[in-house]
């Protein structure tokens, strides 16, 4: 049963699986083109933020299982409970919501584990006038390169506002989708090669597992279509500033490519099932063909054996000196004749 069933809208409750005693890390970057300050602290009981309204601020909260912390952040930045409720609900679909003083974005972070399984996590972003708040379910290094570029003043990050930072974060998450798509595509190619050579029951089970992964990916990424539309709207572009409009168009193109590839994988998955059934059916047909040829060959031989196995007292050939050799010759001739017939018809 859903933990939120029966509760009024805006009720803050964590729906994930992390323990409430797990560590929560808060990381801050306060920067402009000339300088940067980097702080990392472990949240205990009080929210300790060191914002500078004259600079850009990036706050990353790793761990969303403490409801009191999320509520305190909401009070600090004047974020309504409906948004905070979505932050705490780790099963949100990708979306953008616009408020009077901020914009809220949700995306799915998808990473491949060492065992080949895909891990789905929710990344929530809140873009304010000069601050970005990122909420992660658990610690990961996906934004390491962005943080490194900030610290070393590489590229445009320090020269532009927080809108460009959000673009960089979104672009990094979407880049990982291509890795997942490539992994799934490789699995399809490997299964296709195995099926064409020698399909097994295990291959069919692997196809079903692959289809399950593709369906989950499609379900998670399909709402990106709505996100694309929102990204192109003027209301959203106002929050990102016009000077990064070209980068938002690039992000739009990347999302389009991702969605096209997901649809392509879905079709390939269906075709793989059809290929398996076709290959197995073809193999069974070959087996039935061989059995039919063997049966056809032995039917006349069985007739001869049955004919001379009857218990009539008078069968002249039985007393003929060369009768045994003659019947063997006849059987051999029948086998050769049938074999020649099959060969001529290209059945063999």
Foldseek 3Di string as FASTA:
>chain_A
DQPCPPPDALDAAARDDDDPPDWKKKWKWWAALPDIDIDIDIDDPDDDDDYDPVTAMEIEIFALHHRVVLVVVCVVVVNGSNLSNVLRYFPDAFDWDDDPFKIKTKAWQWDADPVRDIDTTIWIWIFGQRYIYIYTNHDDCLCVVVVVCRNVVNDCVNHDGVLVVVLVVLVSRLVNLVVVLVSLVVLLVVLLVCLLVPDDPVSVVSLVVSLVVLVVVCVRLVCVVVVLVVLPDPSNCVSSDPVCNVSSVVSSVSSVVSNVSSVVSNVSSVVSNVSNVVSVVVVVVLVVLVVVLVCVLCPVVVVVVVVVVDDDPDDPLVPDPCSVVVNVVVSVVSNVVSVVVCVVVVSD
